[in-house]
Amino acid sequence: MNEKIISVLKTFNSSDIKDFKKFILSPYFSTGRDLTKYYECIMKYHPDFEISKEKFLKSYFGKLDDKEGKQSKILRTLNSDFSKILDDYIAVDSLKNMNFYYNYLLIEGYSHRALYALGEKKAEETLLMEEDLDSGFIREIQMILLKNLIFHFKSLTNKNPEIYGVVESQSEDLITFFVNISSHLLNSLKVNSESYNIQRKTEQLSLLINNIELDKFLDNLRPDYPNYKKIKLDIILLCTMLKNKKFEHLYMKLNEVYMDTFDTLDHRHKMNYFTSVLNYYTANPSEQTIQLKFEFVKFGLSQGLFPSGEIIYINAGTFKMFMLAGLHAGDIDWTEKYIEEYAEKLNPDFKENMLNYSYAYLNHYKGDYITSLDYISKFRFANEVFTYDMKLMQLKNFYELMKQSESYLENINYAIDAFSHYLKDNKKVSENYRKSGKDFIAGMKLLVKFTAMLSDKEEKKKEMYDLEKFMSETKNVWLISKIKELIYNR
């Protein structure tokens, strides 16, 4: 049987089954052969459609008689016709649920029939509806298209003095669209290149934007310009992705600019911008950004962004990020209160594991490494990211304990070996985590060897050189901090 037809019909619910039958009975849509019998025969096997070609031919023709291939030839024609009308149904059904495209085509229809006054009225009504929608840069291009139609109708109905305002508004939409779509595309390039180890080339979009004097544009942009605050935030975020040095002084003002813009944004934009700012802080850790990130997280929580809208539970990854923001900023009390309050907003299916995860971190930062190890032993979350984190945390705990007592040297060497086998043998570990894990092991071995005082004076000099060299090459913040401790305390 036709694979496409089966895959589409498997999605049909009871309403679709009834509506599609009316659709194929309509002489307006069904202009070819009558497909009612075909539809009734094939729907006998809904929803699993465990049906062979021979079984269907027997059902459709009453008997199987296909030695000369006549029945197969008829079936191929039926499949082709039925496939086309299925496409028509999906298109029409989708159109009913997509107001913009329905209205846009209706307006175009008025235009083709020279019903310009009706077209202008409908375009302006649709524009008002679209302004209340919440759909990112797609909405912005829709606004541009609508205003292009309004421009067209005003020129045809002798309303030329009103055209200037339409074009000015359209140009503002274009600026917003350009900045937003550029940010979206650059972020997608970044995420995909990092996820799949793709060597990025100098793509034309980066080249273009880096050669636009956005700093001068922003300096000359009037504060009373429509969407001034949002455009300023857009441009700063765009430049963070390009690492544009002209804007470095503004990157540290992202909190201020976001909070200043917050009340002008709809919910979706609040969330999108929040994520973008947070991503910048996460990708650029420093003493200053760690504190800024923490303040930013507290603001987002105070505004009820997590969870919000139709989302019932706070995402586990988000919960982790906010918890770590507090720990990295050194606010143990805030973090402890956060865990207690927001654990109640986690999905019950993994709440207990996330509590074990969080308390493992919290107790490590408190210096209670034994208790942290106890929580790690209770952790049972089948998720690569969280499992990886717990294995690293186990090593960190043993390292801190080894600094207090060499009796833990055997424990940490065993844990390093176990983690090495985990990275090598576990097929579910992604290449990125495998690579960063090997880097962590290399750094940990250097730390252990130097800290355990197993070398003579000359070997210590070489080990210190190796540590300093490793510190210049690694991106692991924890390893860097521990190497610095050794360097400054030697």
Protein backbone atom coordinates (compact mmCIF):
# COMPACT_ATOMS: atom_id res chain seq x y z
CA MET A 1 0.00 0.00 0.00
CA ASN A 2 0.97 3.63 -0.50
CA GLU A 3 3.23 4.62 2.41
CA LYS A 4 2.34 8.32 2.29
CA ILE A 5 -1.42 7.66 2.35
CA ILE A 6 -1.11 5.26 5.29
CA SER A 7 1.10 7.66 7.30
CA VAL A 8 -1.40 10.52 6.82
CA LEU A 9 -4.49 8.44 7.60
CA LYS A 10 -2.88 7.16 10.79
CA THR A 11 -3.06 10.73 12.11
CA PHE A 12 -6.84 10.95 11.56
CA ASN A 13 -9.01 11.25 14.66
CA SER A 14 -12.79 10.77 14.70
CA SER A 15 -13.41 14.36 13.54
CA ASP A 16 -10.96 13.99 10.65
CA ILE A 17 -12.62 10.77 9.55
CA LYS A 18 -16.03 12.47 9.30
CA ASP A 19 -14.74 15.74 7.84
CA PHE A 20 -12.63 14.06 5.18
CA LYS A 21 -15.59 12.00 3.99
CA LYS A 22 -17.55 15.25 3.50
CA PHE A 23 -14.51 16.69 1.75
CA ILE A 24 -14.27 13.93 -0.86
CA LEU A 25 -18.04 14.06 -1.40
CA SER A 26 -17.84 17.78 -2.21
CA PRO A 27 -17.95 18.32 -5.99
CA TYR A 28 -15.96 21.55 -5.48
CA PHE A 29 -12.92 19.77 -4.06
CA SER A 30 -13.29 16.31 -5.57
CA THR A 31 -13.30 17.00 -9.31
CA GLY A 32 -11.95 13.65 -10.54
CA ARG A 33 -13.09 10.08 -10.00
CA ASP A 34 -15.28 9.13 -7.03
CA LEU A 35 -12.93 8.10 -4.21
CA THR A 36 -15.61 7.27 -1.64
CA LYS A 37 -15.32 3.51 -2.12
CA TYR A 38 -11.53 3.64 -1.91
CA TYR A 39 -11.76 5.64 1.33
CA GLU A 40 -14.32 3.31 2.91
CA CYS A 41 -12.25 0.24 2.03
CA ILE A 42 -9.00 1.55 3.43
CA MET A 43 -10.57 3.02 6.59
CA LYS A 44 -11.76 -0.44 7.61
CA TYR A 45 -8.18 -0.95 8.73
CA HIS A 46 -7.91 2.28 10.78
CA PRO A 47 -5.97 3.01 12.96
CA ASP A 48 -3.21 0.37 12.55
CA PHE A 49 -3.64 -0.21 8.80
CA GLU A 50 -2.24 -3.74 8.87
CA ILE A 51 -3.11 -4.31 5.24
CA SER A 52 -1.34 -5.75 2.23
CA LYS A 53 -1.85 -4.76 -1.38
CA GLU A 54 -3.51 -8.10 -2.13
CA LYS A 55 -5.91 -7.78 0.80
CA PHE A 56 -6.92 -4.30 -0.31
CA LEU A 57 -7.45 -5.34 -3.96
CA LYS A 58 -9.73 -8.16 -2.82
CA SER A 59 -11.68 -5.77 -0.57
CA TYR A 60 -12.00 -3.10 -3.27
CA PHE A 61 -12.81 -5.29 -6.29
CA GLY A 62 -14.66 -8.07 -4.46
CA LYS A 63 -12.10 -10.63 -5.59
CA LEU A 64 -8.40 -10.78 -6.34
CA ASP A 65 -7.81 -11.12 -10.09
CA ASP A 66 -4.57 -9.35 -10.89
CA LYS A 67 -2.73 -11.80 -13.11
CA GLU A 68 -2.55 -9.29 -15.96
CA GLY A 69 -1.87 -6.37 -13.60
CA LYS A 70 -5.09 -4.51 -14.43
CA GLN A 71 -6.17 -4.20 -10.81
CA SER A 72 -2.70 -2.95 -9.82
CA LYS A 73 -2.84 -0.32 -12.56
CA ILE A 74 -6.22 0.92 -11.33
CA LEU A 75 -4.89 0.96 -7.76
CA ARG A 76 -1.91 3.11 -8.78
CA THR A 77 -4.30 5.65 -10.32
CA LEU A 78 -6.52 5.58 -7.24
CA ASN A 79 -3.51 6.05 -4.97
CA SER A 80 -2.36 9.05 -7.00
CA ASP A 81 -5.80 10.72 -6.97
CA PHE A 82 -6.36 9.96 -3.30
CA SER A 83 -2.94 11.30 -2.36
CA LYS A 84 -3.71 14.61 -4.09
CA ILE A 85 -7.06 15.07 -2.36
CA LEU A 86 -5.43 14.21 0.99
CA ASP A 87 -2.99 17.07 0.40
CA ASP A 88 -5.90 19.38 -0.43
CA TYR A 89 -7.68 18.42 2.78
CA ILE A 90 -4.60 19.02 4.95
CA ALA A 91 -4.04 22.41 3.30
CA VAL A 92 -7.67 23.52 3.76
CA ASP A 93 -7.85 22.16 7.31
CA SER A 94 -4.61 23.96 8.24
CA LEU A 95 -5.87 27.17 6.67
CA LYS A 96 -8.90 27.15 8.98
CA ASN A 97 -6.57 27.17 11.99
CA MET A 98 -4.05 29.74 10.70
CA ASN A 99 -5.81 33.09 10.79
CA PHE A 100 -3.03 35.14 9.25
CA TYR A 101 -2.68 33.01 6.12
CA TYR A 102 -6.44 32.71 5.72
CA ASN A 103 -6.87 36.48 5.98
CA TYR A 104 -3.85 37.20 3.79
CA LEU A 105 -5.20 35.02 0.98
CA LEU A 106 -8.65 36.57 1.44
CA ILE A 107 -7.15 40.06 1.10
CA GLU A 108 -5.25 38.99 -2.02
CA GLY A 109 -8.54 37.65 -3.36
CA TYR A 110 -10.21 41.03 -2.83
CA SER A 111 -7.30 42.66 -4.64
CA HIS A 112 -7.56 40.36 -7.66
CA ARG A 113 -11.26 41.20 -7.89
CA ALA A 114 -10.51 44.94 -7.65
CA LEU A 115 -12.40 45.16 -4.33
CA TYR A 116 -9.86 47.62 -2.95
CA ALA A 117 -11.96 49.19 -0.19
CA LEU A 118 -12.86 45.75 1.17
CA GLY A 119 -9.22 44.68 0.89
CA GLU A 120 -7.95 47.73 2.77
CA LYS A 121 -10.52 47.28 5.54
CA LYS A 122 -9.72 43.59 5.98
CA ALA A 123 -5.96 44.27 5.90
CA GLU A 124 -6.24 46.88 8.66
CA GLU A 125 -8.46 44.58 10.74
CA THR A 126 -5.94 41.76 10.34
CA LEU A 127 -3.09 44.11 11.23
CA LEU A 128 -4.79 44.95 14.53
CA MET A 129 -5.22 41.25 15.29
CA GLU A 130 -1.61 40.48 14.35
CA GLU A 131 -0.23 43.19 16.65
CA ASP A 132 -1.62 41.26 19.61
CA LEU A 133 -0.04 37.99 18.52
CA ASP A 134 3.10 36.51 20.01
CA SER A 135 5.16 34.73 17.35
CA GLY A 136 8.64 36.25 17.10
CA PHE A 137 10.26 37.15 13.82
CA ILE A 138 7.59 35.24 11.84
CA ARG A 139 5.05 37.77 13.09
CA GLU A 140 7.33 40.63 12.01
CA ILE A 141 7.55 39.41 8.41
CA GLN A 142 3.77 38.95 8.44
CA MET A 143 3.37 42.57 9.54
CA ILE A 144 5.61 43.71 6.69
CA LEU A 145 3.54 41.72 4.18
CA LEU A 146 0.27 43.10 5.54
CA LYS A 147 1.49 46.69 5.45
CA ASN A 148 2.63 46.16 1.89
CA LEU A 149 -0.98 45.29 1.00
CA ILE A 150 -2.26 48.34 2.91
CA PHE A 151 0.20 50.51 0.97
CA HIS A 152 -1.15 48.98 -2.25
CA PHE A 153 -4.79 49.61 -1.34
CA LYS A 154 -4.22 53.19 -0.16
CA SER A 155 -2.53 54.05 -3.45
CA LEU A 156 -5.49 52.57 -5.35
CA THR A 157 -8.13 54.36 -3.24
CA ASN A 158 -6.55 57.84 -3.47
CA LYS A 159 -5.28 57.91 0.13
CA ASN A 160 -1.72 58.85 -0.81
CA PRO A 161 -1.13 61.20 2.19
CA GLU A 162 -1.54 58.15 4.47
CA ILE A 163 1.10 56.11 2.65
CA TYR A 164 4.10 57.73 4.38
CA GLY A 165 3.03 56.51 7.83
CA VAL A 166 2.52 52.97 6.50
CA VAL A 167 5.98 52.89 4.89
CA GLU A 168 7.67 54.33 7.99
CA SER A 169 6.00 51.70 10.16
CA GLN A 170 6.98 49.02 7.65
CA SER A 171 10.62 50.13 7.74
CA GLU A 172 10.61 49.87 11.56
CA ASP A 173 9.26 46.33 11.28
CA LEU A 174 12.01 45.55 8.78
CA ILE A 175 14.74 46.70 11.21
CA THR A 176 13.29 44.58 14.00
CA PHE A 177 12.89 41.61 11.68
CA PHE A 178 16.45 41.89 10.37
CA VAL A 179 17.97 42.04 13.85
CA ASN A 180 15.81 39.21 15.21
CA ILE A 181 16.22 36.84 12.27
CA SER A 182 19.98 37.52 12.27
CA SER A 183 20.19 36.67 15.98
CA HIS A 184 18.13 33.54 15.42
CA LEU A 185 20.28 32.33 12.52
CA LEU A 186 23.60 33.14 14.20
CA ASN A 187 22.50 31.35 17.36
CA SER A 188 21.41 28.31 15.32
CA LEU A 189 24.79 28.25 13.56
CA LYS A 190 26.57 28.43 16.91
CA VAL A 191 24.49 25.74 18.61
CA ASN A 192 24.67 23.30 15.69
CA SER A 193 28.39 23.80 15.10
CA GLU A 194 29.09 23.09 18.78
CA SER A 195 26.68 20.15 19.00
CA TYR A 196 28.00 18.37 15.91
CA ASN A 197 31.65 19.54 15.93
CA ILE A 198 31.28 21.44 12.68
CA GLN A 199 34.18 23.72 11.83
CA ARG A 200 32.56 27.10 11.29
CA LYS A 201 33.64 29.15 8.34
CA THR A 202 33.22 32.92 8.06
CA GLU A 203 29.60 32.88 6.95
CA GLN A 204 28.34 35.87 4.99
CA LEU A 205 25.82 36.92 7.64
CA SER A 206 28.53 37.47 10.27
CA LEU A 207 30.65 39.30 7.71
CA LEU A 208 27.77 41.60 6.79
CA ILE A 209 26.72 42.48 10.34
CA ASN A 210 30.28 42.95 11.59
CA ASN A 211 30.76 45.58 8.89
CA ILE A 212 27.67 47.58 9.87
CA GLU A 213 28.43 50.38 12.32
CA LEU A 214 25.79 49.31 14.80
CA ASP A 215 27.40 51.34 17.58
CA LYS A 216 26.84 54.54 15.61
CA PHE A 217 23.30 53.48 14.76
CA LEU A 218 22.53 52.94 18.44
CA ASP A 219 24.18 56.24 19.43
CA ASN A 220 21.97 58.12 16.97
CA LEU A 221 18.77 56.19 17.65
CA ARG A 222 16.27 58.52 19.31
CA PRO A 223 14.94 57.37 22.69
CA ASP A 224 11.44 58.29 21.48
CA TYR A 225 11.83 55.99 18.45
CA PRO A 226 9.18 53.24 18.37
CA ASN A 227 10.47 50.09 20.10
CA TYR A 228 13.69 51.91 21.08
CA LYS A 229 14.27 49.76 24.17
CA LYS A 230 13.61 46.50 22.36
CA ILE A 231 15.84 47.43 19.40
CA LYS A 232 18.65 48.37 21.79
CA LEU A 233 18.36 45.00 23.53
CA ASP A 234 18.20 43.20 20.17
CA ILE A 235 21.35 44.88 18.88
CA ILE A 236 23.37 44.26 22.05
CA LEU A 237 22.40 40.57 22.05
CA LEU A 238 23.20 40.31 18.35
CA CYS A 239 26.65 41.76 19.00
CA THR A 240 27.30 39.32 21.86
CA MET A 241 27.01 36.48 19.35
CA LEU A 242 29.42 38.24 17.00
CA LYS A 243 31.75 39.11 19.91
CA ASN A 244 31.77 42.69 18.65
CA LYS A 245 34.31 44.55 20.82
CA LYS A 246 32.68 47.93 20.13
CA PHE A 247 29.88 46.85 22.45
CA GLU A 248 31.88 45.29 25.27
CA HIS A 249 30.94 48.17 27.59
CA LEU A 250 27.26 47.33 27.02
CA TYR A 251 27.50 43.57 27.58
CA MET A 252 27.81 44.21 31.32
CA LYS A 253 24.61 46.27 31.16
CA LEU A 254 22.45 43.47 29.77
CA ASN A 255 20.60 43.10 33.09
CA GLU A 256 19.79 46.80 33.16
CA VAL A 257 18.66 46.93 29.51
CA TYR A 258 16.54 43.75 29.84
CA MET A 259 14.85 44.93 33.04
CA ASP A 260 14.21 48.33 31.50
CA THR A 261 12.58 46.66 28.48
CA PHE A 262 10.73 43.97 30.46
CA ASP A 263 7.33 45.67 30.85
CA THR A 264 7.13 46.46 27.10
CA LEU A 265 7.48 42.79 26.12
CA ASP A 266 4.88 40.06 25.71
CA HIS A 267 5.41 36.77 27.54
CA ARG A 268 7.13 34.99 24.67
CA HIS A 269 9.64 37.78 24.13
CA LYS A 270 10.32 37.98 27.87
CA MET A 271 11.25 34.30 27.83
CA ASN A 272 13.24 34.48 24.58
CA TYR A 273 15.30 37.47 25.69
CA PHE A 274 15.79 35.96 29.14
CA THR A 275 17.26 32.83 27.54
CA SER A 276 19.52 34.87 25.24
CA VAL A 277 20.95 36.96 28.09
CA LEU A 278 21.43 33.86 30.25
CA ASN A 279 23.21 32.08 27.39
CA TYR A 280 25.66 34.97 27.11
CA TYR A 281 26.53 34.82 30.81
CA THR A 282 26.88 31.02 30.70
CA ALA A 283 29.17 31.13 27.66
CA ASN A 284 31.33 33.92 29.14
CA PRO A 285 32.06 33.02 32.78
CA SER A 286 34.03 35.56 34.79
CA GLU A 287 33.82 37.02 38.29
CA GLN A 288 31.64 39.83 36.96
CA THR A 289 29.31 37.72 34.79
CA ILE A 290 28.82 35.16 37.58
CA GLN A 291 27.36 37.87 39.81
CA LEU A 292 25.36 39.41 36.95
CA LYS A 293 23.94 36.00 36.06
CA PHE A 294 22.88 35.41 39.65
CA GLU A 295 21.11 38.78 39.87
CA PHE A 296 19.48 38.07 36.50
CA VAL A 297 18.21 34.67 37.63
CA LYS A 298 16.74 36.20 40.80
CA PHE A 299 14.94 38.81 38.69
CA GLY A 300 13.44 36.16 36.39
CA LEU A 301 12.18 34.16 39.36
CA SER A 302 10.77 37.27 41.04
CA GLN A 303 8.73 37.95 37.89
CA GLY A 304 7.20 34.47 37.93
CA LEU A 305 8.75 33.37 34.64
CA PHE A 306 9.51 29.84 35.87
CA PRO A 307 7.23 28.04 35.49
CA SER A 308 4.70 30.20 33.68
CA GLY A 309 2.02 30.16 31.02
CA GLU A 310 0.81 26.68 30.11
CA ILE A 311 3.98 25.08 31.51
CA ILE A 312 3.14 23.36 34.80
CA TYR A 313 6.61 22.27 35.91
CA ILE A 314 9.99 23.93 35.90
CA ASN A 315 12.38 22.22 33.48
CA ALA A 316 15.09 20.09 35.13
CA GLY A 317 17.84 21.81 33.14
CA THR A 318 16.53 25.24 34.14
CA PHE A 319 16.25 24.17 37.78
CA LYS A 320 19.88 23.04 37.68
CA MET A 321 21.11 26.24 36.02
CA PHE A 322 19.45 28.50 38.58
CA MET A 323 20.69 26.39 41.48
CA LEU A 324 24.26 26.56 40.16
CA ALA A 325 23.96 30.32 39.61
CA GLY A 326 23.44 30.74 43.35
CA LEU A 327 26.30 28.41 44.29
CA HIS A 328 28.75 29.96 41.85
CA ALA A 329 27.88 33.40 43.24
CA GLY A 330 28.64 32.10 46.72
CA ASP A 331 25.14 32.55 48.17
CA ILE A 332 24.62 29.24 49.98
CA ASP A 333 21.58 30.45 51.97
CA TRP A 334 19.73 31.63 48.87
CA THR A 335 20.51 28.37 47.07
CA GLU A 336 19.20 26.26 49.94
CA LYS A 337 15.94 28.21 50.02
CA TYR A 338 15.67 28.01 46.22
CA ILE A 339 16.02 24.21 46.25
CA GLU A 340 13.34 23.85 48.94
CA GLU A 341 10.87 26.15 47.17
CA TYR A 342 11.35 25.22 43.54
CA ALA A 343 11.72 21.46 44.02
CA GLU A 344 7.94 21.55 44.59
CA LYS A 345 7.58 22.84 41.02
CA LEU A 346 9.52 19.95 39.46
CA ASN A 347 7.87 17.05 37.66
CA PRO A 348 7.15 14.42 40.37
CA ASP A 349 8.71 11.76 38.12
CA PHE A 350 12.22 13.14 38.66
CA LYS A 351 11.79 15.36 41.71
CA GLU A 352 13.59 12.97 44.09
CA ASN A 353 16.56 12.57 41.76
CA MET A 354 16.84 16.33 41.28
CA LEU A 355 16.82 16.78 45.06
CA ASN A 356 19.67 14.26 45.38
CA TYR A 357 21.49 16.07 42.58
CA SER A 358 20.98 19.50 44.15
CA TYR A 359 21.94 18.47 47.67
CA ALA A 360 25.06 16.77 46.33
CA TYR A 361 26.11 20.15 44.92
CA LEU A 362 24.94 22.15 47.93
CA ASN A 363 26.84 20.03 50.44
CA HIS A 364 29.97 20.09 48.30
CA TYR A 365 29.90 23.88 48.35
CA LYS A 366 29.28 23.79 52.10
CA GLY A 367 32.42 21.67 52.46
CA ASP A 368 30.48 18.62 53.67
CA TYR A 369 31.99 16.23 51.11
CA ILE A 370 30.92 13.00 52.82
CA THR A 371 27.25 14.06 52.78
CA SER A 372 27.63 15.12 49.15
CA LEU A 373 28.93 11.64 48.28
CA ASP A 374 25.97 10.12 50.10
CA TYR A 375 23.52 12.06 47.92
CA ILE A 376 25.45 11.06 44.79
CA SER A 377 25.06 7.39 45.76
CA LYS A 378 21.26 7.86 45.83
CA PHE A 379 21.13 9.52 42.41
CA ARG A 380 19.39 7.38 39.75
CA PHE A 381 18.52 9.74 36.87
CA ALA A 382 19.00 8.15 33.42
CA ASN A 383 20.10 11.38 31.77
CA GLU A 384 23.54 11.90 30.22
CA VAL A 385 24.01 15.49 31.40
CA PHE A 386 23.04 14.93 35.03
CA THR A 387 24.84 11.57 35.29
CA TYR A 388 28.00 13.17 33.91
CA ASP A 389 27.72 16.01 36.44
CA MET A 390 27.40 13.57 39.33
CA LYS A 391 30.45 11.61 38.24
CA LEU A 392 32.47 14.82 38.12
CA MET A 393 31.10 15.87 41.50
CA GLN A 394 32.17 12.53 42.96
CA LEU A 395 35.74 13.17 41.78
CA LYS A 396 35.68 16.71 43.17
CA ASN A 397 34.54 15.42 46.56
CA PHE A 398 37.28 12.79 46.70
CA TYR A 399 39.87 15.38 45.71
CA GLU A 400 38.83 17.70 48.54
CA LEU A 401 38.84 14.78 50.99
CA MET A 402 42.28 13.68 49.76
CA LYS A 403 43.61 17.17 50.51
CA GLN A 404 42.49 16.59 54.12
CA SER A 405 43.67 12.99 54.37
CA GLU A 406 45.85 10.88 52.06
CA SER A 407 43.71 7.89 53.03
CA TYR A 408 41.36 8.98 50.23
CA LEU A 409 44.10 8.66 47.58
CA GLU A 410 42.97 5.13 46.73
CA ASN A 411 39.34 6.27 46.49
CA ILE A 412 40.09 9.05 44.04
CA ASN A 413 42.33 6.88 41.86
CA TYR A 414 39.60 4.25 41.73
CA ALA A 415 36.98 6.92 40.88
CA ILE A 416 39.19 8.34 38.11
CA ASP A 417 39.63 4.87 36.63
CA ALA A 418 35.87 4.17 36.84
CA PHE A 419 35.05 7.48 35.15
CA SER A 420 37.59 6.74 32.42
CA HIS A 421 35.88 3.39 31.71
CA TYR A 422 32.47 5.10 31.74
CA LEU A 423 33.61 7.51 29.02
CA LYS A 424 35.20 4.73 26.98
CA ASP A 425 32.57 2.00 27.26
CA ASN A 426 29.24 3.81 27.54
CA LYS A 427 27.88 4.20 24.01
CA LYS A 428 25.31 6.77 25.16
CA VAL A 429 27.98 9.33 26.06
CA SER A 430 28.13 12.00 23.35
CA GLU A 431 31.43 12.99 21.75
CA ASN A 432 31.35 16.42 23.41
CA TYR A 433 31.02 14.92 26.89
CA ARG A 434 33.60 12.27 26.10
CA LYS A 435 36.07 14.97 25.06
CA SER A 436 35.45 17.26 28.06
CA GLY A 437 35.51 14.23 30.38
CA LYS A 438 38.95 13.19 29.14
CA ASP A 439 40.14 16.76 29.65
CA PHE A 440 38.83 16.68 33.23
CA ILE A 441 40.57 13.37 33.94
CA ALA A 442 43.87 14.73 32.61
CA GLY A 443 43.59 17.79 34.86
CA MET A 444 42.49 15.75 37.87
CA LYS A 445 45.47 13.39 37.52
CA LEU A 446 47.84 16.36 37.54
CA LEU A 447 46.12 17.80 40.63
CA VAL A 448 46.20 14.49 42.49
CA LYS A 449 49.84 13.82 41.68
CA PHE A 450 50.93 17.27 42.83
CA THR A 451 48.71 17.40 45.91
CA ALA A 452 49.58 13.89 47.13
CA MET A 453 53.24 14.94 47.56
CA LEU A 454 54.53 11.79 45.88
CA SER A 455 57.28 13.53 43.90
CA ASP A 456 60.69 14.97 44.75
CA LYS A 457 61.60 18.65 44.38
CA GLU A 458 62.72 18.46 40.75
CA GLU A 459 59.63 16.51 39.72
CA LYS A 460 57.50 19.10 41.51
CA LYS A 461 58.92 21.82 39.29
CA LYS A 462 57.96 19.89 36.18
CA GLU A 463 54.52 19.10 37.61
CA MET A 464 53.94 22.79 38.34
CA TYR A 465 54.92 23.60 34.76
CA ASP A 466 52.48 20.94 33.52
CA LEU A 467 49.72 22.39 35.71
CA GLU A 468 50.29 25.93 34.43
CA LYS A 469 50.34 24.68 30.84
CA PHE A 470 47.14 22.70 31.40
CA MET A 471 45.45 25.73 33.00
CA SER A 472 46.17 27.80 29.87
CA GLU A 473 44.54 25.16 27.66
CA THR A 474 41.50 23.97 29.60
CA LYS A 475 38.10 25.64 29.74
CA ASN A 476 37.03 23.89 32.94
CA VAL A 477 36.48 26.62 35.53
CA TRP A 478 36.75 24.27 38.52
CA LEU A 479 40.10 22.84 37.39
CA ILE A 480 41.44 26.34 36.76
CA SER A 481 40.41 27.45 40.26
CA LYS A 482 42.09 24.42 41.88
CA ILE A 483 45.30 24.89 39.91
CA LYS A 484 45.36 28.55 40.92
CA GLU A 485 45.03 27.51 44.57
CA LEU A 486 48.14 25.35 44.21
CA ILE A 487 50.09 28.04 42.38
CA TYR A 488 49.28 30.79 44.87
CA ASN A 489 49.88 28.56 47.91
CA ARG A 490 53.15 26.97 46.81
